[in-house]
Amino acid sequence: MSEEQHTGTDITHDSRSAFDLYHPAVPLVYFTIVIVLSMAAFQPVFCVLSLAGALIYGCYLRGWRAVVRSLRWSLPMVLIIALLNPFFSAFGTTQLFVLLGRTIYLESLVYGLCMGLMLTAMLQWFSNAAVVLTFEKILAIFGNVLPTIGLMLSMIMRFVPMLARRGREVEGVQQACTAIAPRSVRESTSLRVREASVLMGWSLEDSLRTADAMRARGWGGPNSRSVYQRYRFGSADLALTVSFALLGLVCAFLAWVACSQFAFYPTITPLIMWWGYVPYAGLLLLPLFIEFEEALRWMR
């Protein structure tokens, strides 16, 4: 398939993603479908598949080191949510133990674990989308039609990886100050609260600076905005978008069937081997198939 059959844009061999060969609406449709399904399909197998797909694709897009660094703070979050949920939602029939006068049930623990997995998968998918859907692509889609929504989406895509990077910077600066190294649990908690406060203040200051810069450059004026690069929606883009939509509808129906047959309370429904998981896994791994297809095309 030649470049003329795609978007007519200038694509080099150093493209970070095969989605660069298509109109920006194509990856936008894909990530929207995947993120919505990952939030709606609250079932253990679907949560695990979503996280696995996000991590695999993230290793290809961002590198395994970046994925591991992101898991250093997201996996503890999963454990915290899984352990705290039984204290706030003590329901179930399988009693595990009693902690601090609170009965811990297996069902509540598994529910909290799935919540943590789903949240981690969302963060990973947003990080992947931020690599593919760059700022100029978001503005090319929504810049003149829905400028405010386009700006919000571009800032959200940028916010998650930027927040993680700044969090590591703040943590590194505090670790360099050996005089304030925590010596107890209380000091360690105070250190984390201080990091969160610095990160929040930094983000608010950056937001104000961005707003002033946009106002100075005429944001919100009556004239239409120009874009960095013009994209043309071709037949290949339409075919891939329709394929994503159809596969997404199939997966949505299968997820509805799986979720309607599964329950956390009062007893966890036993999980069985089911063919319906295969199409969902295929949807999550579909970008990798596109990447491999493009790599083979360049090799030939």
Protein backbone atom coordinates (compact mmCIF):
# COMPACT_ATOMS: atom_id res chain seq x y z
CA MET A 1 0.00 0.00 0.00
CA SER A 2 1.64 3.23 -1.13
CA GLU A 3 1.72 6.54 0.69
CA GLU A 4 -0.82 7.99 -1.77
CA GLN A 5 -3.31 5.43 -0.52
CA HIS A 6 -2.86 6.70 3.01
CA THR A 7 -2.91 10.39 3.84
CA GLY A 8 -0.59 11.99 1.37
CA THR A 9 1.61 13.29 4.18
CA ASP A 10 5.38 13.10 4.31
CA ILE A 11 6.26 10.01 6.32
CA THR A 12 9.80 8.88 6.89
CA HIS A 13 11.27 5.61 7.94
CA ASP A 14 11.79 6.99 11.44
CA SER A 15 8.05 7.16 12.24
CA ARG A 16 7.46 6.11 15.81
CA SER A 17 4.15 4.46 15.02
CA ALA A 18 2.46 2.96 11.99
CA PHE A 19 -0.53 5.16 12.88
CA ASP A 20 1.54 8.06 11.55
CA LEU A 21 0.74 6.76 8.07
CA TYR A 22 -2.99 7.32 8.63
CA HIS A 23 -5.27 10.22 9.36
CA PRO A 24 -5.25 11.25 13.06
CA ALA A 25 -8.93 10.32 13.32
CA VAL A 26 -7.99 6.64 12.92
CA PRO A 27 -5.92 6.30 16.13
CA LEU A 28 -8.38 8.61 17.91
CA VAL A 29 -11.23 6.20 17.14
CA TYR A 30 -9.13 3.23 18.23
CA PHE A 31 -8.01 4.65 21.56
CA THR A 32 -11.52 5.91 22.30
CA ILE A 33 -12.97 2.44 21.74
CA VAL A 34 -10.28 0.72 23.81
CA ILE A 35 -10.48 3.16 26.73
CA VAL A 36 -14.29 3.08 26.87
CA LEU A 37 -14.35 -0.72 26.73
CA SER A 38 -11.63 -0.97 29.38
CA MET A 39 -13.68 1.19 31.75
CA ALA A 40 -17.02 -0.47 30.98
CA ALA A 41 -15.88 -4.13 30.97
CA PHE A 42 -15.34 -4.45 34.72
CA GLN A 43 -14.58 -8.15 34.82
CA PRO A 44 -11.29 -9.75 36.02
CA VAL A 45 -10.27 -11.31 32.71
CA PHE A 46 -11.09 -8.17 30.72
CA CYS A 47 -9.18 -6.00 33.22
CA VAL A 48 -6.10 -8.24 32.97
CA LEU A 49 -6.29 -8.32 29.16
CA SER A 50 -6.60 -4.54 28.97
CA LEU A 51 -3.59 -3.99 31.21
CA ALA A 52 -1.54 -6.61 29.36
CA GLY A 53 -2.39 -5.08 25.99
CA ALA A 54 -1.51 -1.59 27.22
CA LEU A 55 1.83 -2.76 28.61
CA ILE A 56 2.78 -4.69 25.47
CA TYR A 57 1.93 -1.81 23.18
CA GLY A 58 3.62 0.60 25.57
CA CYS A 59 6.84 -1.42 25.42
CA TYR A 60 6.79 -1.05 21.64
CA LEU A 61 5.95 2.67 21.61
CA ARG A 62 7.76 4.00 24.67
CA GLY A 63 10.28 1.27 25.45
CA TRP A 64 10.21 -1.25 28.26
CA ARG A 65 12.28 0.99 30.55
CA ALA A 66 9.68 3.76 30.40
CA VAL A 67 6.90 1.24 31.07
CA VAL A 68 8.77 -0.19 34.06
CA ARG A 69 9.36 3.30 35.45
CA SER A 70 5.65 4.05 35.18
CA LEU A 71 4.80 0.81 36.98
CA ARG A 72 7.02 1.77 39.90
CA TRP A 73 4.32 4.14 41.15
CA SER A 74 1.21 2.60 39.55
CA LEU A 75 1.62 -0.92 40.99
CA PRO A 76 1.76 0.36 44.59
CA MET A 77 -1.43 2.24 43.77
CA VAL A 78 -3.05 -1.07 42.76
CA LEU A 79 -2.05 -2.63 46.07
CA ILE A 80 -3.29 0.36 48.05
CA ILE A 81 -6.69 0.31 46.33
CA ALA A 82 -6.98 -3.47 46.77
CA LEU A 83 -6.14 -3.26 50.47
CA LEU A 84 -8.27 -0.22 51.26
CA ASN A 85 -11.43 -1.37 49.48
CA PRO A 86 -12.29 -4.05 52.10
CA PHE A 87 -12.24 -1.33 54.80
CA PHE A 88 -14.73 0.85 52.92
CA SER A 89 -16.80 -1.89 51.30
CA ALA A 90 -16.86 -4.89 53.61
CA PHE A 91 -19.14 -7.22 51.66
CA GLY A 92 -18.89 -10.86 50.70
CA THR A 93 -19.19 -14.35 52.08
CA THR A 94 -15.59 -15.65 52.06
CA GLN A 95 -14.01 -14.35 55.26
CA LEU A 96 -10.22 -14.19 55.17
CA PHE A 97 -9.20 -12.56 58.46
CA VAL A 98 -10.02 -9.75 60.87
CA LEU A 99 -7.80 -6.66 60.83
CA LEU A 100 -8.24 -3.70 63.18
CA GLY A 101 -11.69 -4.92 64.08
CA ARG A 102 -12.71 -5.08 60.42
CA THR A 103 -13.59 -8.33 58.68
CA ILE A 104 -11.72 -8.73 55.39
CA TYR A 105 -13.62 -10.64 52.71
CA LEU A 106 -12.13 -12.18 49.60
CA GLU A 107 -14.81 -10.64 47.38
CA SER A 108 -14.00 -7.09 48.52
CA LEU A 109 -10.29 -7.71 48.07
CA VAL A 110 -10.72 -8.99 44.51
CA TYR A 111 -13.04 -6.09 43.67
CA GLY A 112 -10.44 -3.58 44.86
CA LEU A 113 -7.72 -5.39 42.92
CA CYS A 114 -9.76 -5.17 39.72
CA MET A 115 -10.36 -1.46 40.35
CA GLY A 116 -6.61 -0.92 40.67
CA LEU A 117 -5.90 -2.92 37.51
CA MET A 118 -8.48 -0.97 35.55
CA LEU A 119 -7.08 2.37 36.72
CA THR A 120 -3.52 1.31 35.86
CA ALA A 121 -4.65 0.14 32.42
CA MET A 122 -6.30 3.53 31.83
CA LEU A 123 -3.10 5.37 32.70
CA GLN A 124 -1.08 3.13 30.39
CA TRP A 125 -3.50 3.55 27.49
CA PHE A 126 -3.51 7.33 27.92
CA SER A 127 0.29 7.29 27.92
CA ASN A 128 0.28 5.27 24.70
CA ALA A 129 -2.25 7.61 23.14
CA ALA A 130 -0.10 10.60 24.08
CA VAL A 131 2.73 9.15 21.96
CA VAL A 132 0.55 8.52 18.91
CA LEU A 133 -1.86 11.47 19.15
CA THR A 134 0.51 14.39 19.32
CA PHE A 135 -0.56 17.97 19.98
CA GLU A 136 -0.70 18.96 16.31
CA LYS A 137 -2.82 15.91 15.42
CA ILE A 138 -5.42 16.74 18.06
CA LEU A 139 -5.59 20.32 16.85
CA ALA A 140 -5.84 19.15 13.23
CA ILE A 141 -8.97 17.15 14.13
CA PHE A 142 -10.75 19.52 16.52
CA GLY A 143 -8.93 22.83 16.00
CA ASN A 144 -11.64 24.59 14.01
CA VAL A 145 -14.66 22.39 14.72
CA LEU A 146 -14.41 22.02 18.51
CA PRO A 147 -11.42 24.09 19.59
CA THR A 148 -12.07 23.88 23.32
CA ILE A 149 -12.53 20.10 23.28
CA GLY A 150 -9.47 19.73 21.07
CA LEU A 151 -7.41 21.74 23.52
CA MET A 152 -8.72 19.74 26.48
CA LEU A 153 -7.91 16.41 24.81
CA SER A 154 -4.42 17.50 23.84
CA MET A 155 -3.73 18.73 27.39
CA ILE A 156 -5.08 15.51 28.92
CA MET A 157 -2.89 13.40 26.63
CA ARG A 158 0.09 15.50 27.65
CA PHE A 159 -0.77 15.74 31.34
CA VAL A 160 -0.37 12.08 32.40
CA PRO A 161 3.22 11.48 31.17
CA MET A 162 4.24 15.03 32.16
CA LEU A 163 2.89 14.54 35.68
CA ALA A 164 4.79 11.25 36.03
CA ARG A 165 8.02 12.86 34.78
CA ARG A 166 7.70 15.82 37.14
CA GLY A 167 6.91 13.49 40.02
CA ARG A 168 10.19 11.66 39.42
CA GLU A 169 12.04 14.99 39.30
CA VAL A 170 10.55 16.14 42.61
CA GLU A 171 11.32 12.78 44.20
CA GLY A 172 14.90 12.89 42.92
CA VAL A 173 15.48 16.38 44.33
CA GLN A 174 14.19 15.37 47.76
CA GLN A 175 16.28 12.20 47.75
CA ALA A 176 19.35 14.31 47.01
CA CYS A 177 18.73 16.24 50.25
CA THR A 178 20.10 13.61 52.64
CA ALA A 179 19.54 15.89 55.63
CA ILE A 180 15.77 15.42 55.34
CA ALA A 181 15.88 11.67 54.69
CA PRO A 182 12.88 10.07 56.46
CA ARG A 183 13.72 8.02 59.53
CA SER A 184 10.19 6.90 60.44
CA VAL A 185 6.85 6.13 58.87
CA ARG A 186 5.53 9.54 59.90
CA GLU A 187 8.43 11.37 58.25
CA SER A 188 8.07 9.24 55.13
CA THR A 189 4.37 10.12 54.93
CA SER A 190 5.17 13.79 55.41
CA LEU A 191 7.74 13.56 52.61
CA ARG A 192 5.16 12.10 50.21
CA VAL A 193 2.63 14.79 51.13
CA ARG A 194 5.27 17.44 50.47
CA GLU A 195 6.01 15.89 47.06
CA ALA A 196 2.31 15.93 46.15
CA SER A 197 2.01 19.57 47.29
CA VAL A 198 5.02 20.63 45.19
CA LEU A 199 3.70 18.74 42.19
CA MET A 200 0.24 20.32 42.52
CA GLY A 201 1.69 23.81 42.83
CA TRP A 202 3.95 23.23 39.85
CA SER A 203 0.99 22.07 37.74
CA LEU A 204 -1.17 25.06 38.72
CA GLU A 205 1.65 27.49 37.92
CA ASP A 206 2.16 25.83 34.54
CA SER A 207 -1.59 26.06 33.84
CA LEU A 208 -1.61 29.81 34.56
CA ARG A 209 1.44 30.34 32.36
CA THR A 210 -0.18 28.37 29.53
CA ALA A 211 -3.40 30.38 29.83
CA ASP A 212 -1.50 33.69 29.67
CA ALA A 213 0.48 32.53 26.63
CA MET A 214 -2.69 31.41 24.83
CA ARG A 215 -4.45 34.70 25.56
CA ALA A 216 -1.45 36.64 24.24
CA ARG A 217 -1.52 34.60 21.03
CA GLY A 218 -5.18 35.31 20.34
CA TRP A 219 -6.83 32.11 21.53
CA GLY A 220 -10.60 32.29 21.23
CA GLY A 221 -10.58 34.86 18.43
CA PRO A 222 -13.23 34.86 15.70
CA ASN A 223 -10.87 33.70 12.96
CA SER A 224 -10.30 30.02 12.25
CA ARG A 225 -7.02 28.53 13.41
CA SER A 226 -4.36 27.15 11.10
CA VAL A 227 -2.77 23.72 11.65
CA TYR A 228 0.81 22.51 11.47
CA GLN A 229 0.06 19.84 8.89
CA ARG A 230 -2.94 19.09 6.71
CA TYR A 231 -4.26 15.53 6.63
CA ARG A 232 -6.46 13.90 4.02
CA PHE A 233 -8.93 11.19 5.03
CA GLY A 234 -8.53 8.50 2.36
CA SER A 235 -10.01 5.11 1.58
CA ALA A 236 -7.45 3.25 3.70
CA ASP A 237 -8.32 5.47 6.66
CA LEU A 238 -12.02 4.78 6.18
CA ALA A 239 -11.48 1.02 5.92
CA LEU A 240 -9.40 0.89 9.10
CA THR A 241 -11.82 3.12 11.01
CA VAL A 242 -14.80 0.96 10.01
CA SER A 243 -12.84 -2.16 11.03
CA PHE A 244 -12.12 -0.67 14.45
CA ALA A 245 -15.77 0.30 14.90
CA LEU A 246 -17.12 -3.13 13.90
CA LEU A 247 -14.63 -5.00 16.07
CA GLY A 248 -15.40 -2.62 18.91
CA LEU A 249 -19.13 -3.35 18.63
CA VAL A 250 -18.45 -7.09 18.71
CA CYS A 251 -16.21 -6.70 21.76
CA ALA A 252 -18.79 -4.48 23.47
CA PHE A 253 -21.44 -7.19 23.07
CA LEU A 254 -19.06 -9.88 24.32
CA ALA A 255 -18.09 -7.71 27.29
CA TRP A 256 -21.75 -7.17 28.12
CA VAL A 257 -22.33 -10.94 28.05
CA ALA A 258 -19.28 -11.60 30.23
CA CYS A 259 -20.15 -8.90 32.78
CA SER A 260 -23.79 -9.99 33.00
CA GLN A 261 -22.69 -13.54 33.81
CA PHE A 262 -20.12 -12.51 36.41
CA ALA A 263 -20.60 -11.09 39.89
CA PHE A 264 -18.25 -10.12 42.71
CA TYR A 265 -20.91 -10.24 45.41
CA PRO A 266 -22.09 -12.07 47.39
CA THR A 267 -19.77 -14.78 46.01
CA ILE A 268 -17.28 -14.50 43.17
CA THR A 269 -18.57 -16.26 40.08
CA PRO A 270 -16.10 -18.92 38.86
CA LEU A 271 -14.22 -17.92 35.71
CA ILE A 272 -14.21 -20.32 32.80
CA MET A 273 -12.38 -20.59 29.49
CA TRP A 274 -14.42 -18.68 26.90
CA TRP A 275 -13.86 -17.88 23.25
CA GLY A 276 -15.26 -14.38 23.76
CA TYR A 277 -11.97 -13.22 25.25
CA VAL A 278 -10.13 -13.82 21.96
CA PRO A 279 -11.73 -10.97 19.92
CA TYR A 280 -11.09 -8.53 22.77
CA ALA A 281 -7.44 -9.60 22.95
CA GLY A 282 -7.24 -9.21 19.18
CA LEU A 283 -8.59 -5.65 19.42
CA LEU A 284 -5.96 -4.76 22.02
CA LEU A 285 -3.13 -6.24 19.94
CA LEU A 286 -4.37 -4.90 16.62
CA PRO A 287 -1.95 -1.91 16.61
CA LEU A 288 0.97 -4.32 16.91
CA PHE A 289 -0.28 -6.24 13.88
CA ILE A 290 -0.37 -2.95 11.97
CA GLU A 291 3.14 -2.13 13.14
CA PHE A 292 4.49 -5.51 12.04
CA GLU A 293 2.73 -5.23 8.69
CA GLU A 294 4.31 -1.84 8.03
CA ALA A 295 7.73 -3.11 9.17
CA LEU A 296 7.52 -6.04 6.75
CA ARG A 297 6.47 -3.68 3.98
CA TRP A 298 9.52 -1.48 4.56
CA MET A 299 11.79 -4.54 4.64
CA ARG A 300 10.45 -5.67 1.28
